[in-house]
């Protein structure tokens, strides 16, 4: 398995945010085949058809050294998202909590309270996460090429509604 290096944990209701986040990561540093994002419309980011989704997620979460956790009012109510983040915590994966929808560092699940969380409405915090992620994964970074994608991500987050 081992091809996936970055696991994007998110609520499917936050699909647009997850897609914009993947676009920003890809624009900054990495080919899409190295990222797992289950709600992305492009099949290259998702589990293969006719494969057990639960097993696919377990295997790739285990293999991924880094996890981007999109934390919104939707995801903190999702047992799957909390399960994925708990799995990343147990595996000691490098986890980057990304906050939106009015959530703050105080909103983080207990196991992530000490983590440096970034607001997805602040381009400078997204840039810092991308820089840290590139170092953690040893992927070359060209942040200048990602600025348009970062700005788009911020706009998607600002337009999002929380149910």
N, C-alpha and C. Protein backbone atom coordinates (compact mmCIF):
# COMPACT_ATOMS: atom_id res chain seq x y z
N UNK A 1 0.85 -1.18 0.00
CA UNK A 1 0.00 0.00 0.00
C UNK A 1 0.89 1.23 0.00
N UNK A 2 1.38 1.77 1.03
CA UNK A 2 2.35 2.79 1.21
C UNK A 2 2.42 3.99 0.27
N UNK A 3 1.60 4.11 -0.75
CA UNK A 3 1.68 5.26 -1.64
C UNK A 3 1.07 6.51 -1.02
N UNK A 4 0.07 6.35 -0.18
CA UNK A 4 -0.58 7.50 0.44
C UNK A 4 0.30 7.99 1.57
N UNK A 5 0.61 9.29 1.55
CA UNK A 5 1.45 9.88 2.59
C UNK A 5 0.70 10.91 3.42
N UNK A 6 -0.45 11.37 2.89
CA UNK A 6 -1.22 12.40 3.57
C UNK A 6 -2.69 12.00 3.60
N UNK A 7 -3.25 11.94 4.79
CA UNK A 7 -4.63 11.55 5.01
C UNK A 7 -5.40 12.80 5.41
N UNK A 8 -6.50 13.09 4.70
CA UNK A 8 -7.31 14.27 5.01
C UNK A 8 -8.59 13.80 5.70
N UNK A 9 -8.68 14.10 6.98
CA UNK A 9 -9.87 13.74 7.76
C UNK A 9 -10.83 14.92 7.75
N UNK A 10 -12.07 14.65 7.38
CA UNK A 10 -13.08 15.71 7.27
C UNK A 10 -14.47 15.10 7.26
N UNK A 11 -15.47 15.91 7.58
CA UNK A 11 -16.86 15.48 7.46
C UNK A 11 -17.27 15.63 6.00
N UNK A 12 -18.05 14.70 5.51
CA UNK A 12 -18.48 14.80 4.12
C UNK A 12 -19.32 16.04 3.86
N UNK A 13 -19.96 16.59 4.88
CA UNK A 13 -20.68 17.86 4.73
C UNK A 13 -19.70 19.00 4.43
N UNK A 14 -18.43 18.81 4.75
CA UNK A 14 -17.40 19.81 4.51
C UNK A 14 -16.58 19.48 3.27
N UNK A 15 -17.20 18.78 2.35
CA UNK A 15 -16.55 18.33 1.12
C UNK A 15 -15.85 19.47 0.38
N UNK A 16 -16.53 20.60 0.22
CA UNK A 16 -15.95 21.71 -0.54
C UNK A 16 -14.67 22.23 0.11
N UNK A 17 -14.66 22.27 1.43
CA UNK A 17 -13.45 22.70 2.15
C UNK A 17 -12.34 21.69 1.93
N UNK A 18 -12.64 20.41 2.05
CA UNK A 18 -11.63 19.37 1.87
C UNK A 18 -11.04 19.40 0.46
N UNK A 19 -11.88 19.59 -0.54
CA UNK A 19 -11.41 19.65 -1.93
C UNK A 19 -10.50 20.86 -2.13
N UNK A 20 -10.90 22.02 -1.61
CA UNK A 20 -10.07 23.22 -1.73
C UNK A 20 -8.75 23.06 -0.98
N UNK A 21 -8.78 22.37 0.15
CA UNK A 21 -7.56 22.11 0.91
C UNK A 21 -6.61 21.22 0.12
N UNK A 22 -7.14 20.16 -0.46
CA UNK A 22 -6.32 19.26 -1.27
C UNK A 22 -5.72 20.02 -2.46
N UNK A 23 -6.51 20.88 -3.08
CA UNK A 23 -6.00 21.68 -4.19
C UNK A 23 -4.84 22.57 -3.75
N UNK A 24 -4.94 23.16 -2.55
CA UNK A 24 -3.86 24.01 -2.04
C UNK A 24 -2.60 23.19 -1.75
N UNK A 25 -2.78 22.02 -1.15
CA UNK A 25 -1.62 21.16 -0.88
C UNK A 25 -0.96 20.75 -2.19
N UNK A 26 -1.77 20.33 -3.13
CA UNK A 26 -1.21 19.91 -4.41
C UNK A 26 -0.52 21.06 -5.13
N UNK A 27 -1.11 22.25 -5.11
CA UNK A 27 -0.50 23.40 -5.76
C UNK A 27 0.84 23.76 -5.12
N UNK A 28 0.96 23.53 -3.82
CA UNK A 28 2.18 23.90 -3.10
C UNK A 28 3.28 22.86 -3.22
N UNK A 29 2.89 21.55 -3.35
CA UNK A 29 3.98 20.60 -3.19
C UNK A 29 3.85 19.18 -3.71
N UNK A 30 2.71 18.63 -3.99
CA UNK A 30 2.67 17.18 -4.11
C UNK A 30 1.71 16.69 -5.18
N UNK A 31 2.05 15.59 -5.84
CA UNK A 31 1.10 15.00 -6.78
C UNK A 31 -0.08 14.37 -6.03
N UNK A 32 -1.24 14.46 -6.66
CA UNK A 32 -2.46 14.02 -6.00
C UNK A 32 -2.49 12.55 -5.62
N UNK A 33 -1.75 11.72 -6.29
CA UNK A 33 -1.79 10.29 -5.99
C UNK A 33 -1.26 9.98 -4.59
N UNK A 34 -0.68 10.94 -3.92
CA UNK A 34 -0.11 10.72 -2.60
C UNK A 34 -1.04 11.15 -1.47
N UNK A 35 -2.24 11.60 -1.81
CA UNK A 35 -3.19 12.14 -0.84
C UNK A 35 -4.46 11.28 -0.84
N UNK A 36 -5.01 11.03 0.36
CA UNK A 36 -6.31 10.35 0.46
C UNK A 36 -7.33 11.35 1.00
N UNK A 37 -8.37 11.59 0.21
CA UNK A 37 -9.48 12.48 0.57
C UNK A 37 -10.75 11.84 0.03
N UNK A 38 -11.48 11.17 0.87
CA UNK A 38 -12.58 10.31 0.43
C UNK A 38 -13.74 11.01 -0.25
N UNK A 39 -13.94 12.29 -0.01
CA UNK A 39 -15.08 12.94 -0.66
C UNK A 39 -14.68 13.73 -1.89
N UNK A 40 -13.44 13.64 -2.29
CA UNK A 40 -12.98 14.37 -3.47
C UNK A 40 -13.64 13.77 -4.72
N UNK A 41 -14.10 14.61 -5.65
CA UNK A 41 -14.76 14.08 -6.85
C UNK A 41 -13.80 13.34 -7.78
N UNK A 42 -12.52 13.64 -7.69
CA UNK A 42 -11.53 12.97 -8.53
C UNK A 42 -11.18 11.61 -7.91
N UNK A 43 -11.41 10.55 -8.64
CA UNK A 43 -11.20 9.19 -8.13
C UNK A 43 -9.75 8.94 -7.69
N UNK A 44 -8.80 9.70 -8.22
CA UNK A 44 -7.40 9.49 -7.85
C UNK A 44 -7.14 9.77 -6.38
N UNK A 45 -8.00 10.55 -5.74
CA UNK A 45 -7.84 10.88 -4.33
C UNK A 45 -8.59 9.91 -3.42
N UNK A 46 -9.40 9.05 -3.98
CA UNK A 46 -10.34 8.25 -3.20
C UNK A 46 -9.98 6.78 -3.17
N UNK A 47 -10.77 6.04 -2.42
CA UNK A 47 -10.60 4.59 -2.36
C UNK A 47 -11.04 3.98 -3.69
N UNK A 48 -10.41 2.87 -4.08
CA UNK A 48 -10.83 2.20 -5.32
C UNK A 48 -12.28 1.71 -5.21
N UNK A 49 -12.97 1.69 -6.34
CA UNK A 49 -14.34 1.18 -6.34
C UNK A 49 -14.33 -0.29 -5.93
N UNK A 50 -15.42 -0.71 -5.31
CA UNK A 50 -15.61 -2.10 -4.86
C UNK A 50 -14.62 -2.51 -3.77
N UNK A 51 -14.02 -1.56 -3.09
CA UNK A 51 -13.13 -1.89 -1.97
C UNK A 51 -13.84 -1.50 -0.68
N UNK A 52 -13.60 -2.27 0.36
CA UNK A 52 -14.17 -1.98 1.67
C UNK A 52 -13.62 -0.64 2.16
N UNK A 53 -14.48 0.35 2.27
CA UNK A 53 -14.05 1.70 2.63
C UNK A 53 -13.41 1.72 4.01
N UNK A 54 -14.02 1.04 4.96
CA UNK A 54 -13.50 1.04 6.32
C UNK A 54 -12.08 0.47 6.37
N UNK A 55 -11.85 -0.63 5.68
CA UNK A 55 -10.52 -1.24 5.65
C UNK A 55 -9.53 -0.34 4.92
N UNK A 56 -9.96 0.26 3.82
CA UNK A 56 -9.10 1.17 3.06
C UNK A 56 -8.66 2.35 3.94
N UNK A 57 -9.60 2.94 4.66
CA UNK A 57 -9.26 4.05 5.55
C UNK A 57 -8.30 3.60 6.65
N UNK A 58 -8.56 2.46 7.25
CA UNK A 58 -7.70 1.96 8.33
C UNK A 58 -6.27 1.76 7.84
N UNK A 59 -6.12 1.10 6.70
CA UNK A 59 -4.79 0.83 6.16
C UNK A 59 -4.05 2.12 5.85
N UNK A 60 -4.74 3.05 5.18
CA UNK A 60 -4.05 4.27 4.78
C UNK A 60 -3.83 5.23 5.93
N UNK A 61 -4.69 5.22 6.91
CA UNK A 61 -4.43 6.02 8.10
C UNK A 61 -3.21 5.47 8.83
N UNK A 62 -3.09 4.16 8.88
CA UNK A 62 -1.93 3.53 9.50
C UNK A 62 -0.65 3.86 8.75
N UNK A 63 -0.70 3.88 7.43
CA UNK A 63 0.48 4.13 6.61
C UNK A 63 0.85 5.60 6.46
N UNK A 64 -0.10 6.50 6.68
CA UNK A 64 0.14 7.93 6.43
C UNK A 64 0.89 8.57 7.60
N UNK A 65 2.06 9.14 7.34
CA UNK A 65 2.79 9.79 8.43
C UNK A 65 2.18 11.13 8.85
N UNK A 66 1.31 11.71 8.00
CA UNK A 66 0.70 13.01 8.33
C UNK A 66 -0.80 12.97 8.08
N UNK A 67 -1.52 13.69 8.94
CA UNK A 67 -2.97 13.81 8.83
C UNK A 67 -3.35 15.29 8.93
N UNK A 68 -4.17 15.73 7.99
CA UNK A 68 -4.79 17.04 8.08
C UNK A 68 -6.19 16.82 8.62
N UNK A 69 -6.50 17.38 9.76
CA UNK A 69 -7.81 17.22 10.38
C UNK A 69 -8.62 18.49 10.22
N UNK A 70 -9.62 18.48 9.33
CA UNK A 70 -10.49 19.63 9.13
C UNK A 70 -11.56 19.58 10.23
N UNK A 71 -11.46 20.52 11.16
CA UNK A 71 -12.37 20.54 12.30
C UNK A 71 -13.35 21.70 12.15
N UNK A 72 -14.62 21.33 12.02
CA UNK A 72 -15.72 22.28 11.85
C UNK A 72 -16.86 21.84 12.76
N UNK A 73 -17.91 22.64 12.87
CA UNK A 73 -19.08 22.16 13.63
C UNK A 73 -19.61 20.83 13.09
N UNK A 74 -19.44 20.56 11.80
CA UNK A 74 -19.87 19.28 11.23
C UNK A 74 -18.97 18.14 11.68
N UNK A 75 -17.67 18.32 11.60
CA UNK A 75 -16.76 17.21 11.87
C UNK A 75 -16.70 16.85 13.36
N UNK A 76 -16.86 17.84 14.25
CA UNK A 76 -16.80 17.49 15.67
C UNK A 76 -18.02 16.69 16.11
N UNK A 77 -19.07 16.66 15.27
CA UNK A 77 -20.25 15.83 15.55
C UNK A 77 -20.17 14.48 14.83
N UNK A 78 -19.12 14.28 14.04
CA UNK A 78 -19.00 13.06 13.23
C UNK A 78 -18.18 12.00 13.96
N UNK A 79 -18.80 10.88 14.31
CA UNK A 79 -18.03 9.81 14.93
C UNK A 79 -16.85 9.35 14.06
N UNK A 80 -17.03 9.34 12.74
CA UNK A 80 -15.95 8.92 11.85
C UNK A 80 -14.75 9.84 11.96
N UNK A 81 -14.99 11.15 11.93
CA UNK A 81 -13.88 12.11 12.02
C UNK A 81 -13.14 11.97 13.34
N UNK A 82 -13.88 11.88 14.43
CA UNK A 82 -13.24 11.74 15.73
C UNK A 82 -12.48 10.41 15.82
N UNK A 83 -13.03 9.38 15.20
CA UNK A 83 -12.38 8.08 15.17
C UNK A 83 -11.05 8.17 14.39
N UNK A 84 -11.08 8.84 13.23
CA UNK A 84 -9.86 9.00 12.43
C UNK A 84 -8.81 9.80 13.19
N UNK A 85 -9.23 10.89 13.82
CA UNK A 85 -8.27 11.70 14.58
C UNK A 85 -7.73 10.95 15.79
N UNK A 86 -8.58 10.16 16.41
CA UNK A 86 -8.12 9.31 17.52
C UNK A 86 -7.12 8.26 17.05
N UNK A 87 -7.38 7.71 15.86
CA UNK A 87 -6.44 6.75 15.29
C UNK A 87 -5.10 7.40 14.98
N UNK A 88 -5.13 8.60 14.42
CA UNK A 88 -3.89 9.33 14.13
C UNK A 88 -3.13 9.61 15.42
N UNK A 89 -3.85 10.01 16.44
CA UNK A 89 -3.23 10.28 17.74
C UNK A 89 -2.58 9.01 18.30
N UNK A 90 -3.30 7.90 18.25
CA UNK A 90 -2.77 6.63 18.78
C UNK A 90 -1.54 6.16 18.00
N UNK A 91 -1.53 6.43 16.71
CA UNK A 91 -0.40 6.02 15.87
C UNK A 91 0.76 7.02 15.93
N UNK A 92 0.56 8.12 16.63
CA UNK A 92 1.55 9.20 16.72
C UNK A 92 1.86 9.79 15.36
N UNK A 93 0.85 9.81 14.47
CA UNK A 93 1.00 10.47 13.18
C UNK A 93 1.11 11.97 13.42
N UNK A 94 1.82 12.65 12.57
CA UNK A 94 1.90 14.11 12.66
C UNK A 94 0.53 14.63 12.24
N UNK A 95 -0.17 15.27 13.15
CA UNK A 95 -1.53 15.72 12.90
C UNK A 95 -1.59 17.24 12.92
N UNK A 96 -2.23 17.79 11.90
CA UNK A 96 -2.39 19.23 11.77
C UNK A 96 -3.87 19.57 11.90
N UNK A 97 -4.33 20.05 13.06
CA UNK A 97 -5.72 20.46 13.20
C UNK A 97 -5.98 21.78 12.46
N UNK A 98 -7.01 21.78 11.63
CA UNK A 98 -7.38 22.96 10.84
C UNK A 98 -8.79 23.37 11.22
N UNK A 99 -8.95 24.58 11.72
CA UNK A 99 -10.21 25.02 12.31
C UNK A 99 -11.02 25.92 11.39
N UNK A 100 -12.35 25.76 11.45
CA UNK A 100 -13.26 26.60 10.68
C UNK A 100 -14.62 26.61 11.38
N UNK A 101 -15.49 27.49 10.93
CA UNK A 101 -16.86 27.51 11.45
C UNK A 101 -16.98 28.02 12.87
N UNK A 102 -16.06 28.87 13.29
CA UNK A 102 -16.12 29.42 14.63
C UNK A 102 -15.41 28.59 15.68
N UNK A 103 -14.84 27.46 15.30
CA UNK A 103 -14.11 26.66 16.27
C UNK A 103 -12.77 27.33 16.59
N UNK A 104 -12.33 27.15 17.82
CA UNK A 104 -11.06 27.71 18.27
C UNK A 104 -10.22 26.58 18.85
N UNK A 105 -9.01 26.91 19.27
CA UNK A 105 -8.14 25.89 19.86
C UNK A 105 -8.80 25.25 21.07
N UNK A 106 -9.65 25.99 21.77
CA UNK A 106 -10.37 25.44 22.92
C UNK A 106 -11.39 24.39 22.49
N UNK A 107 -11.77 24.38 21.20
CA UNK A 107 -12.75 23.44 20.68
C UNK A 107 -12.13 22.09 20.32
N UNK A 108 -10.80 22.01 20.35
CA UNK A 108 -10.13 20.77 19.94
C UNK A 108 -10.51 19.62 20.86
N UNK A 109 -10.62 18.40 20.29
CA UNK A 109 -10.81 17.23 21.15
C UNK A 109 -9.65 17.15 22.15
N UNK A 110 -9.89 16.58 23.31
CA UNK A 110 -8.92 16.56 24.40
C UNK A 110 -7.53 16.11 23.97
N UNK A 111 -7.45 15.07 23.16
CA UNK A 111 -6.14 14.53 22.77
C UNK A 111 -5.35 15.49 21.87
N UNK A 112 -6.02 16.47 21.27
CA UNK A 112 -5.34 17.42 20.37
C UNK A 112 -5.14 18.80 21.01
N UNK A 113 -5.48 18.95 22.28
CA UNK A 113 -5.42 20.26 22.94
C UNK A 113 -4.03 20.90 22.86
N UNK A 114 -2.98 20.15 22.89
CA UNK A 114 -1.64 20.71 22.86
C UNK A 114 -1.11 20.98 21.46
N UNK A 115 -1.88 20.68 20.45
CA UNK A 115 -1.42 20.84 19.07
C UNK A 115 -1.56 22.30 18.62
N UNK A 116 -0.72 22.68 17.70
CA UNK A 116 -0.78 24.01 17.11
C UNK A 116 -1.83 23.97 15.99
N UNK A 117 -3.01 24.52 16.26
CA UNK A 117 -4.10 24.49 15.30
C UNK A 117 -4.09 25.76 14.46
N UNK A 118 -4.51 25.63 13.21
CA UNK A 118 -4.55 26.76 12.28
C UNK A 118 -5.98 27.08 11.90
N UNK A 119 -6.26 28.37 11.75
CA UNK A 119 -7.56 28.83 11.27
C UNK A 119 -7.56 28.83 9.75
N UNK A 120 -8.55 28.18 9.15
CA UNK A 120 -8.64 28.11 7.70
C UNK A 120 -9.15 29.40 7.06
N UNK A 121 -9.38 30.42 7.86
CA UNK A 121 -9.74 31.73 7.31
C UNK A 121 -8.55 32.68 7.29
N UNK A 122 -7.39 32.19 7.70
CA UNK A 122 -6.19 33.04 7.77
C UNK A 122 -5.11 32.49 6.85
N UNK A 123 -4.90 33.13 5.69
CA UNK A 123 -3.92 32.63 4.72
C UNK A 123 -2.53 32.40 5.31
N UNK A 124 -2.10 33.26 6.22
CA UNK A 124 -0.77 33.09 6.80
C UNK A 124 -0.67 31.81 7.65
N UNK A 125 -1.77 31.42 8.29
CA UNK A 125 -1.76 30.18 9.07
C UNK A 125 -1.78 28.96 8.16
N UNK A 126 -2.49 29.05 7.04
CA UNK A 126 -2.49 27.97 6.05
C UNK A 126 -1.08 27.82 5.46
N UNK A 127 -0.45 28.93 5.16
CA UNK A 127 0.91 28.89 4.62
C UNK A 127 1.86 28.22 5.61
N UNK A 128 1.73 28.53 6.90
CA UNK A 128 2.58 27.89 7.91
C UNK A 128 2.34 26.37 7.94
N UNK A 129 1.08 25.96 7.88
CA UNK A 129 0.77 24.52 7.87
C UNK A 129 1.40 23.86 6.64
N UNK A 130 1.27 24.48 5.48
CA UNK A 130 1.86 23.91 4.27
C UNK A 130 3.37 23.81 4.38
N UNK A 131 4.00 24.81 4.98
CA UNK A 131 5.45 24.79 5.18
C UNK A 131 5.83 23.65 6.13
N UNK A 132 5.13 23.54 7.25
CA UNK A 132 5.40 22.48 8.22
C UNK A 132 5.14 21.10 7.61
N UNK A 133 4.07 20.99 6.84
CA UNK A 133 3.72 19.73 6.19
C UNK A 133 4.81 19.32 5.19
N UNK A 134 5.30 20.26 4.42
CA UNK A 134 6.34 19.94 3.44
C UNK A 134 7.60 19.44 4.14
N UNK A 135 7.93 20.03 5.28
CA UNK A 135 9.09 19.59 6.04
C UNK A 135 8.85 18.20 6.63
N UNK A 136 7.66 17.97 7.17
CA UNK A 136 7.35 16.68 7.79
C UNK A 136 7.38 15.54 6.77
N UNK A 137 6.95 15.83 5.54
CA UNK A 137 6.88 14.79 4.51
C UNK A 137 8.08 14.81 3.56
N UNK A 138 8.95 15.79 3.75
CA UNK A 138 10.11 15.97 2.87
C UNK A 138 9.67 16.12 1.42
N UNK A 139 8.63 16.93 1.21
CA UNK A 139 8.13 17.26 -0.12
C UNK A 139 8.58 18.68 -0.45
N UNK A 140 9.10 18.91 -1.65
CA UNK A 140 9.52 20.27 -2.01
C UNK A 140 8.32 21.22 -2.02
N UNK A 141 8.57 22.44 -1.57
CA UNK A 141 7.50 23.43 -1.42
C UNK A 141 7.74 24.63 -2.34
N UNK A 142 6.69 25.01 -3.05
CA UNK A 142 6.71 26.25 -3.83
C UNK A 142 5.44 27.02 -3.47
N UNK A 143 5.49 27.70 -2.35
CA UNK A 143 4.30 28.34 -1.80
C UNK A 143 3.74 29.42 -2.72
N UNK A 144 4.63 30.06 -3.49
CA UNK A 144 4.16 31.11 -4.41
C UNK A 144 3.14 30.55 -5.41
N UNK A 145 3.38 29.33 -5.87
CA UNK A 145 2.47 28.73 -6.84
C UNK A 145 1.14 28.32 -6.22
N UNK A 146 1.07 28.32 -4.89
CA UNK A 146 -0.15 27.89 -4.21
C UNK A 146 -1.01 29.05 -3.73
N UNK A 147 -0.55 30.28 -3.90
CA UNK A 147 -1.28 31.42 -3.32
C UNK A 147 -2.72 31.50 -3.81
N UNK A 148 -2.94 31.29 -5.09
CA UNK A 148 -4.31 31.35 -5.62
C UNK A 148 -5.18 30.25 -4.98
N UNK A 149 -4.63 29.06 -4.81
CA UNK A 149 -5.37 27.96 -4.19
C UNK A 149 -5.62 28.23 -2.71
N UNK A 150 -4.67 28.85 -2.03
CA UNK A 150 -4.86 29.21 -0.62
C UNK A 150 -5.98 30.24 -0.50
N UNK A 151 -5.96 31.25 -1.35
CA UNK A 151 -7.02 32.27 -1.34
C UNK A 151 -8.39 31.65 -1.62
N UNK A 152 -8.43 30.69 -2.54
CA UNK A 152 -9.69 30.00 -2.85
C UNK A 152 -10.17 29.21 -1.63
N UNK A 153 -9.26 28.52 -0.95
CA UNK A 153 -9.62 27.76 0.26
C UNK A 153 -10.24 28.70 1.30
N UNK A 154 -9.62 29.83 1.54
CA UNK A 154 -10.14 30.79 2.52
C UNK A 154 -11.55 31.24 2.11
N UNK A 155 -11.75 31.50 0.83
CA UNK A 155 -13.06 31.93 0.35
C UNK A 155 -14.11 30.83 0.54
N UNK A 156 -13.75 29.59 0.23
CA UNK A 156 -14.68 28.46 0.42
C UNK A 156 -15.07 28.34 1.89
N UNK A 157 -14.11 28.46 2.78
CA UNK A 157 -14.40 28.37 4.22
C UNK A 157 -15.33 29.51 4.64
N UNK A 158 -15.04 30.70 4.18
CA UNK A 158 -15.88 31.85 4.56
C UNK A 158 -17.31 31.73 4.05
N UNK A 159 -17.50 31.08 2.90
CA UNK A 159 -18.85 30.91 2.33
C UNK A 159 -19.60 29.72 2.93
N UNK A 160 -18.90 28.87 3.65
CA UNK A 160 -19.51 27.63 4.17
C UNK A 160 -20.56 27.92 5.23
N UNK A 161 -21.53 27.02 5.28
CA UNK A 161 -22.55 27.08 6.32
C UNK A 161 -22.41 25.80 7.14
N UNK A 162 -22.87 25.88 8.36
CA UNK A 162 -22.70 24.75 9.28
C UNK A 162 -24.07 24.26 9.71
N UNK A 163 -24.30 22.97 9.47
CA UNK A 163 -25.61 22.42 9.84
C UNK A 163 -25.50 21.52 11.04
